[in-house]
N, C-alpha and C. Protein backbone atom coordinates (compact mmCIF):
# COMPACT_ATOMS: atom_id res chain seq x y z
N UNK A 1 245.46 117.61 -4.88
CA UNK A 1 246.45 117.29 -4.22
C UNK A 1 247.98 116.83 -4.56
N UNK A 2 248.96 117.19 -4.45
CA UNK A 2 250.22 116.83 -4.71
C UNK A 2 250.44 115.25 -4.20
N UNK A 3 251.35 114.52 -4.92
CA UNK A 3 251.82 113.27 -4.35
C UNK A 3 252.80 113.74 -3.25
N UNK A 4 252.89 112.63 -2.32
CA UNK A 4 253.76 113.04 -0.87
C UNK A 4 255.07 112.72 -1.55
N UNK A 5 255.55 112.14 -2.27
CA UNK A 5 256.95 111.98 -2.96
C UNK A 5 256.91 111.80 -4.52
N UNK A 6 258.25 112.04 -4.95
CA UNK A 6 258.29 111.62 -6.20
C UNK A 6 259.84 111.46 -6.38
N UNK A 7 260.29 110.38 -7.35
CA UNK A 7 261.31 109.89 -7.39
C UNK A 7 262.01 110.02 -8.86
N UNK A 8 263.32 110.09 -8.85
CA UNK A 8 264.17 110.62 -10.34
C UNK A 8 265.40 109.78 -10.15
N UNK A 9 265.83 109.15 -11.34
CA UNK A 9 266.88 108.69 -11.23
C UNK A 9 268.05 109.80 -12.02
N UNK A 10 269.27 109.65 -11.60
CA UNK A 10 270.29 110.60 -12.18
C UNK A 10 270.57 110.19 -13.72
N UNK A 11 270.67 111.15 -14.41
CA UNK A 11 271.26 110.74 -15.80
C UNK A 11 272.95 110.98 -15.82
N UNK A 12 273.42 111.34 -14.86
CA UNK A 12 274.85 111.47 -14.81
C UNK A 12 275.36 112.04 -13.46
N UNK A 13 276.72 112.39 -13.59
CA UNK A 13 277.39 113.28 -12.28
C UNK A 13 278.01 114.43 -12.80
N UNK A 14 278.29 115.33 -11.87
CA UNK A 14 279.16 116.35 -11.93
C UNK A 14 280.53 115.79 -11.62
N UNK A 15 281.49 116.16 -12.21
CA UNK A 15 283.10 116.26 -11.97
C UNK A 15 283.23 117.83 -11.62
N UNK A 16 283.82 118.06 -10.38
CA UNK A 16 283.89 119.67 -10.38
C UNK A 16 285.29 119.53 -9.48
N UNK A 17 286.13 120.57 -9.50
CA UNK A 17 287.14 121.15 -8.42
C UNK A 17 286.83 121.25 -7.14
N UNK A 18 285.21 121.54 -6.85
CA UNK A 18 284.71 121.74 -5.58
C UNK A 18 284.35 120.49 -4.52
N UNK A 19 284.98 120.31 -3.71
CA UNK A 19 284.76 119.01 -2.93
C UNK A 19 284.13 119.19 -1.65
N UNK A 20 283.91 120.20 -1.22
CA UNK A 20 283.26 120.44 -0.05
C UNK A 20 282.26 121.97 -0.26
N UNK A 21 281.00 121.97 0.49
CA UNK A 21 280.32 122.90 0.45
C UNK A 21 280.78 124.40 0.83
N UNK A 22 281.84 124.61 1.48
CA UNK A 22 282.59 125.66 1.96
C UNK A 22 283.41 126.15 0.79
N UNK A 23 283.49 127.17 -0.01
CA UNK A 23 284.16 127.70 -0.94
C UNK A 23 283.80 127.54 -2.23
N UNK A 24 282.52 126.75 -2.38
CA UNK A 24 281.82 126.50 -3.62
C UNK A 24 281.03 127.85 -4.28
N UNK A 25 281.37 128.62 -5.17
CA UNK A 25 280.14 129.55 -5.46
C UNK A 25 278.84 129.32 -5.42
N UNK A 26 278.27 130.50 -4.66
CA UNK A 26 276.80 130.36 -4.74
C UNK A 26 275.91 130.68 -5.99
N UNK A 27 276.41 131.37 -6.84
CA UNK A 27 275.68 131.18 -7.78
C UNK A 27 276.80 130.88 -8.98
N UNK A 28 276.22 130.37 -10.09
CA UNK A 28 277.10 129.89 -11.25
C UNK A 28 277.71 131.06 -12.24
N UNK A 29 277.06 132.19 -12.40
CA UNK A 29 277.26 133.27 -13.05
C UNK A 29 278.02 134.28 -12.61
N UNK A 30 278.43 134.38 -11.53
CA UNK A 30 278.88 135.67 -10.74
C UNK A 30 280.24 135.27 -10.18
N UNK A 31 281.25 135.91 -11.26
CA UNK A 31 282.58 135.85 -10.97
C UNK A 31 283.09 134.53 -11.02
N UNK A 32 282.72 133.72 -11.76
CA UNK A 32 283.16 132.55 -11.50
C UNK A 32 283.37 131.53 -13.12
N UNK A 33 284.85 131.43 -13.46
CA UNK A 33 285.27 130.82 -14.55
C UNK A 33 285.82 129.56 -14.55
N UNK A 34 285.39 128.85 -13.31
CA UNK A 34 285.76 127.44 -13.18
C UNK A 34 285.08 126.37 -14.13
N UNK A 35 285.68 125.26 -14.86
CA UNK A 35 285.22 124.58 -15.37
C UNK A 35 285.15 122.95 -14.79
N UNK A 36 284.49 122.42 -15.37
CA UNK A 36 283.79 121.29 -14.79
C UNK A 36 283.23 120.15 -15.58
N UNK A 37 282.99 119.20 -15.61
CA UNK A 37 282.40 118.05 -16.47
C UNK A 37 281.25 117.58 -16.08
N UNK A 38 280.31 117.29 -16.82
CA UNK A 38 278.90 116.79 -16.78
C UNK A 38 279.27 115.52 -17.16
N UNK A 39 279.44 114.21 -16.75
CA UNK A 39 279.65 112.79 -17.19
C UNK A 39 278.13 112.19 -16.93
N UNK A 40 277.62 111.77 -18.49
CA UNK A 40 276.21 111.05 -18.52
C UNK A 40 276.71 109.63 -18.16
N UNK A 41 275.32 108.96 -17.76
CA UNK A 41 275.45 107.55 -17.83
C UNK A 41 275.35 106.83 -19.08
N UNK A 42 276.02 105.65 -19.36
CA UNK A 42 276.09 104.95 -20.62
C UNK A 42 274.68 105.01 -21.34
N UNK A 43 273.75 104.80 -20.58
CA UNK A 43 272.39 104.78 -21.29
C UNK A 43 271.94 105.68 -22.13
N UNK A 44 272.57 106.86 -21.97
CA UNK A 44 272.21 108.14 -22.52
C UNK A 44 272.92 108.55 -23.94
N UNK A 45 273.75 107.25 -24.22
CA UNK A 45 274.47 107.61 -25.82
C UNK A 45 273.48 107.92 -26.86
N UNK A 46 273.88 109.10 -27.50
CA UNK A 46 272.80 109.73 -28.66
C UNK A 46 272.17 110.91 -28.14
N UNK A 47 271.91 110.88 -26.82
CA UNK A 47 271.33 112.20 -26.33
C UNK A 47 271.78 113.42 -26.50
N UNK A 48 273.11 113.59 -26.92
CA UNK A 48 273.95 114.66 -26.79
C UNK A 48 274.24 115.31 -28.38
N UNK A 49 273.39 114.67 -29.47
CA UNK A 49 273.35 115.21 -30.59
C UNK A 49 272.76 116.28 -30.61
N UNK A 50 273.50 117.10 -31.26
CA UNK A 50 272.86 118.90 -31.63
C UNK A 50 273.31 119.69 -30.37
N UNK A 51 273.72 119.34 -29.38
CA UNK A 51 273.61 120.26 -28.27
C UNK A 51 274.45 121.20 -28.38
N UNK A 52 275.89 120.70 -29.05
CA UNK A 52 276.63 121.59 -29.47
C UNK A 52 276.64 122.93 -30.04
N UNK A 53 275.49 122.84 -30.54
CA UNK A 53 274.78 124.33 -31.40
C UNK A 53 274.22 125.23 -30.34
N UNK A 54 274.67 124.89 -28.94
CA UNK A 54 274.40 126.07 -27.86
C UNK A 54 275.60 126.69 -27.24
N UNK A 55 275.21 127.96 -26.53
CA UNK A 55 276.27 128.41 -26.00
C UNK A 55 276.40 128.01 -24.62
N UNK A 56 274.81 127.83 -24.01
CA UNK A 56 274.66 127.46 -22.88
C UNK A 56 273.84 126.29 -22.49
N UNK A 57 273.73 125.67 -21.25
CA UNK A 57 272.68 124.98 -20.71
C UNK A 57 272.23 125.03 -19.21
N UNK A 58 270.85 124.56 -19.41
CA UNK A 58 270.29 124.82 -18.16
C UNK A 58 270.60 123.08 -17.42
N UNK A 59 271.17 123.10 -16.06
CA UNK A 59 271.33 121.94 -15.61
C UNK A 59 270.72 121.69 -14.36
N UNK A 60 269.92 120.58 -14.08
CA UNK A 60 268.94 120.55 -12.53
C UNK A 60 269.80 119.36 -12.20
N UNK A 61 270.02 119.55 -11.03
CA UNK A 61 270.88 118.61 -10.41
C UNK A 61 270.22 118.55 -8.57
N UNK A 62 270.57 117.38 -8.07
CA UNK A 62 270.18 116.88 -6.68
C UNK A 62 271.27 117.29 -5.81
N UNK A 63 270.83 118.11 -4.95
CA UNK A 63 272.03 118.95 -3.89
C UNK A 63 272.04 117.86 -2.71
N UNK A 64 272.76 116.59 -3.27
CA UNK A 64 272.87 115.20 -2.24
C UNK A 64 273.22 115.46 -0.79
N UNK A 65 274.07 116.92 -0.65
CA UNK A 65 274.30 116.95 0.88
C UNK A 65 273.42 117.28 1.55
N UNK A 66 272.25 117.92 1.16
CA UNK A 66 271.37 118.64 1.80
C UNK A 66 270.43 117.69 2.44
N UNK A 67 270.74 117.11 3.30
CA UNK A 67 269.88 115.89 3.77
C UNK A 67 269.20 116.14 5.16
N UNK A 68 269.26 117.43 5.77
CA UNK A 68 268.35 117.81 6.75
C UNK A 68 266.68 118.25 6.58
N UNK A 69 265.94 118.03 7.11
CA UNK A 69 264.46 118.53 6.74
C UNK A 69 264.74 120.19 6.62
N UNK A 70 264.12 120.82 5.82
CA UNK A 70 263.99 122.18 6.13
C UNK A 70 263.17 122.77 7.36
N UNK A 71 263.57 123.26 8.19
CA UNK A 71 262.91 123.50 9.45
C UNK A 71 262.30 125.31 9.46
N UNK A 72 263.08 125.92 8.56
CA UNK A 72 262.71 127.38 8.38
C UNK A 72 262.30 127.60 6.96
N UNK A 73 261.05 128.21 7.05
CA UNK A 73 260.68 128.89 5.93
C UNK A 73 261.00 130.45 5.41
N UNK A 74 261.70 130.95 6.40
CA UNK A 74 262.13 132.26 6.18
C UNK A 74 263.80 132.30 6.18
N UNK A 75 264.72 132.77 5.06
CA UNK A 75 266.07 132.63 5.21
C UNK A 75 266.53 134.48 5.02
N UNK A 76 267.75 134.34 5.59
CA UNK A 76 268.41 135.99 5.49
C UNK A 76 269.32 135.46 4.56
N UNK A 77 269.35 136.18 3.13
CA UNK A 77 270.20 136.12 2.02
C UNK A 77 271.13 136.50 2.70
N UNK A 78 272.60 136.43 2.16
CA UNK A 78 273.91 137.04 2.30
C UNK A 78 274.18 138.40 2.20
N UNK A 79 273.21 138.89 0.97
CA UNK A 79 273.55 140.37 0.61
C UNK A 79 272.40 140.96 1.29
N UNK A 80 271.37 140.33 2.08
CA UNK A 80 270.37 141.19 2.84
C UNK A 80 270.71 141.13 4.29
N UNK A 81 269.42 142.14 4.89
CA UNK A 81 269.40 142.40 6.07
C UNK A 81 268.18 142.21 6.68
N UNK A 82 267.09 141.58 5.91
CA UNK A 82 266.06 140.81 6.33
C UNK A 82 265.63 139.35 6.04
N UNK A 83 264.66 138.80 6.48
CA UNK A 83 264.52 137.37 6.14
C UNK A 83 263.49 137.89 5.03
N UNK A 84 263.19 136.68 4.17
CA UNK A 84 262.51 136.34 3.12
C UNK A 84 261.81 134.97 3.09
N UNK A 85 260.60 134.77 2.37
CA UNK A 85 260.30 133.47 2.39
C UNK A 85 261.40 132.43 1.36
N UNK A 86 261.36 131.39 1.83
CA UNK A 86 262.56 130.52 1.04
C UNK A 86 262.15 130.67 -0.44
N UNK A 87 261.10 130.76 -0.95
CA UNK A 87 260.82 131.05 -2.38
C UNK A 87 261.11 131.97 -2.89
N UNK A 88 261.39 133.07 -2.35
CA UNK A 88 261.75 134.41 -2.67
C UNK A 88 263.20 134.68 -2.61
N UNK A 89 264.06 133.08 -2.43
CA UNK A 89 265.44 133.45 -2.17
C UNK A 89 265.99 132.33 -3.33
N UNK A 90 267.34 132.63 -3.40
CA UNK A 90 268.13 131.42 -4.37
C UNK A 90 269.00 130.73 -3.10
N UNK A 91 268.75 130.72 -1.89
CA UNK A 91 269.37 129.81 -0.87
C UNK A 91 269.40 128.20 -1.55
N UNK A 92 270.51 127.59 -0.86
CA UNK A 92 270.44 126.28 -1.18
C UNK A 92 269.67 125.18 -0.24
N UNK A 93 269.26 125.81 0.90
CA UNK A 93 268.27 125.06 1.57
C UNK A 93 267.06 125.31 1.21
N UNK A 94 266.31 124.10 0.89
CA UNK A 94 265.10 124.20 0.27
C UNK A 94 264.37 122.98 0.47
N UNK A 95 262.66 123.07 0.49
CA UNK A 95 262.14 122.18 0.77
C UNK A 95 262.53 120.84 -0.25
N UNK A 96 262.90 120.96 -1.26
CA UNK A 96 263.11 119.89 -2.40
C UNK A 96 264.54 120.31 -2.74
N UNK A 97 265.44 119.62 -2.48
CA UNK A 97 267.15 119.87 -2.77
C UNK A 97 267.65 119.82 -4.05
N UNK A 98 266.55 120.66 -5.10
CA UNK A 98 267.21 120.63 -6.38
C UNK A 98 267.83 121.90 -6.82
N UNK A 99 268.77 122.06 -7.73
CA UNK A 99 269.45 123.07 -7.92
C UNK A 99 269.08 123.15 -9.51
N UNK A 100 269.41 124.59 -9.74
CA UNK A 100 269.17 124.87 -11.11
C UNK A 100 270.20 125.84 -11.73
N UNK A 101 271.25 125.74 -12.74
CA UNK A 101 272.11 126.29 -13.04
C UNK A 101 272.29 126.42 -14.26
N UNK A 102 272.64 127.84 -14.70
CA UNK A 102 272.96 128.17 -16.28
C UNK A 102 274.42 128.01 -16.51
N UNK A 103 274.80 127.29 -17.06
CA UNK A 103 276.30 127.06 -17.36
C UNK A 103 276.93 126.99 -18.88
N UNK A 104 277.88 128.11 -18.84
CA UNK A 104 278.24 128.13 -20.01
C UNK A 104 278.96 126.52 -20.95
N UNK A 105 278.21 126.39 -22.12
CA UNK A 105 278.84 125.11 -22.55
C UNK A 105 280.33 125.31 -23.66
N UNK A 106 281.09 124.49 -23.03
CA UNK A 106 282.93 124.65 -23.43
C UNK A 106 282.80 123.61 -24.66
N UNK A 107 282.11 122.48 -24.31
CA UNK A 107 282.88 121.48 -25.20
C UNK A 107 281.49 120.32 -24.99
N UNK A 108 281.45 119.78 -26.24
CA UNK A 108 280.28 118.44 -26.20
C UNK A 108 281.12 117.28 -26.85
N UNK A 109 281.51 116.18 -26.00
CA UNK A 109 282.05 115.06 -26.51
C UNK A 109 281.01 113.63 -26.12
N UNK A 110 280.57 113.44 -27.56
CA UNK A 110 279.10 112.68 -27.74
C UNK A 110 279.77 111.27 -27.50
N UNK A 111 281.41 110.85 -27.60
CA UNK A 111 282.29 109.71 -27.44
C UNK A 111 282.08 109.27 -26.09
N UNK A 112 282.62 110.20 -25.26
CA UNK A 112 282.85 110.04 -23.96
C UNK A 112 281.53 110.25 -22.73
N UNK A 113 280.37 110.78 -23.85
CA UNK A 113 279.16 111.40 -23.10
C UNK A 113 279.42 112.43 -22.00
N UNK A 114 280.05 113.47 -22.45
CA UNK A 114 280.84 114.35 -21.34
C UNK A 114 280.45 115.60 -22.15
N UNK A 115 280.20 116.74 -20.86
CA UNK A 115 280.07 117.83 -21.65
C UNK A 115 281.07 118.74 -20.67
N UNK A 116 281.89 119.74 -21.07
CA UNK A 116 282.81 120.59 -20.21
C UNK A 116 281.79 121.92 -20.01
N UNK A 117 281.91 122.58 -18.83
CA UNK A 117 281.07 123.32 -18.62
C UNK A 117 281.82 124.75 -17.83
N UNK A 118 281.37 125.84 -18.17
CA UNK A 118 282.00 126.86 -17.24
C UNK A 118 280.92 127.68 -16.31
N UNK A 119 281.69 127.89 -15.25
CA UNK A 119 280.95 128.56 -14.32
C UNK A 119 280.12 127.65 -13.01
N UNK A 120 280.73 126.55 -12.95
CA UNK A 120 280.40 125.69 -12.18
C UNK A 120 280.00 126.13 -10.79
N UNK A 121 278.62 125.65 -10.07
CA UNK A 121 278.84 126.01 -8.78
C UNK A 121 278.11 124.97 -8.25
N UNK A 122 278.49 123.60 -8.59
CA UNK A 122 278.19 122.46 -8.10
C UNK A 122 279.40 121.64 -7.60
N UNK A 123 279.21 120.75 -6.43
CA UNK A 123 280.02 120.07 -5.87
C UNK A 123 280.38 118.75 -6.94
N UNK A 124 281.49 118.33 -6.52
CA UNK A 124 281.82 116.64 -7.20
C UNK A 124 281.17 115.99 -6.92
N UNK A 125 280.58 114.86 -7.63
CA UNK A 125 279.66 114.01 -7.28
C UNK A 125 278.34 114.03 -7.24
N UNK A 126 277.90 115.52 -7.69
CA UNK A 126 276.27 115.81 -7.26
C UNK A 126 275.77 115.36 -8.63
N UNK A 127 274.43 114.49 -8.21
CA UNK A 127 273.82 113.80 -9.49
C UNK A 127 273.23 114.89 -10.17
N UNK A 128 273.22 114.40 -11.39
CA UNK A 128 272.65 115.58 -12.49
C UNK A 128 271.25 114.66 -12.93
N UNK A 129 270.21 115.72 -12.78
CA UNK A 129 268.71 115.07 -13.21
C UNK A 129 268.36 115.51 -14.44
N UNK A 130 268.91 116.38 -15.11
CA UNK A 130 268.60 116.74 -16.42
C UNK A 130 269.46 117.81 -16.85
N UNK A 131 269.48 118.19 -18.28
CA UNK A 131 270.15 119.30 -18.75
C UNK A 131 269.38 119.35 -20.25
N UNK A 132 269.28 120.91 -20.20
CA UNK A 132 268.29 121.33 -21.38
C UNK A 132 268.97 122.73 -21.78
N UNK A 133 269.01 122.83 -23.08
CA UNK A 133 269.65 123.85 -23.75
C UNK A 133 269.20 125.22 -23.28
N UNK A 134 269.94 126.36 -23.14
CA UNK A 134 269.61 127.62 -22.82
C UNK A 134 269.19 128.20 -24.35
N UNK A 135 267.78 128.73 -24.42
CA UNK A 135 267.41 129.28 -25.50
C UNK A 135 266.99 130.77 -25.47
N UNK A 136 268.02 131.65 -25.96
CA UNK A 136 267.85 133.07 -25.46
C UNK A 136 266.37 133.62 -25.60
N UNK A 137 265.74 133.54 -26.96
CA UNK A 137 264.45 134.10 -27.27
C UNK A 137 263.42 133.69 -26.13
N UNK A 138 263.74 132.35 -25.54
CA UNK A 138 262.43 132.09 -24.60
C UNK A 138 263.32 132.25 -23.09
N UNK A 139 264.16 132.06 -22.88
CA UNK A 139 264.76 132.13 -21.53
C UNK A 139 265.12 133.21 -21.13
N UNK A 140 265.33 134.50 -21.51
CA UNK A 140 265.95 135.49 -21.30
C UNK A 140 264.59 136.59 -21.28
N UNK A 141 264.93 137.33 -20.37
CA UNK A 141 263.92 138.29 -19.92
C UNK A 141 264.68 139.56 -19.64
N UNK A 142 264.85 140.25 -20.63
CA UNK A 142 265.91 141.38 -20.60
C UNK A 142 264.96 142.76 -19.75
N UNK A 143 263.89 142.67 -19.72
CA UNK A 143 263.43 143.81 -18.95
C UNK A 143 262.90 143.53 -17.49
N UNK A 144 263.21 142.30 -16.97
CA UNK A 144 263.25 141.99 -15.60
C UNK A 144 263.93 142.71 -14.61
């Protein structure tokens, strides 16, 4: 049986031009060239070494404004006309408010502990839980 709760400490925060949910892109990679910054907490000095060798990163974040308990487990997506189970959608309203974004990596500043990223779909102040490099040979599914 799964534990009743888990806890994570953020590794940093998103600095984004988006300050409210309305107007924030729904998907990171769809028609979005907006730049933003992921600022890491000071205790993660050294953690960005070699990340500049990648073109994209996966960013896991906590959707901190999703405070309500999910009451509906079927959702009608914006581009659909029928309801689907929440796990068959990319809707932001989820049982666990965790987001996953594939973002283009523009710059890595190891001194400032900042990543400049493109294609941001996260609000300013969003807590970042983890960053992983996008590795095409194991992250892409060309025939999906």
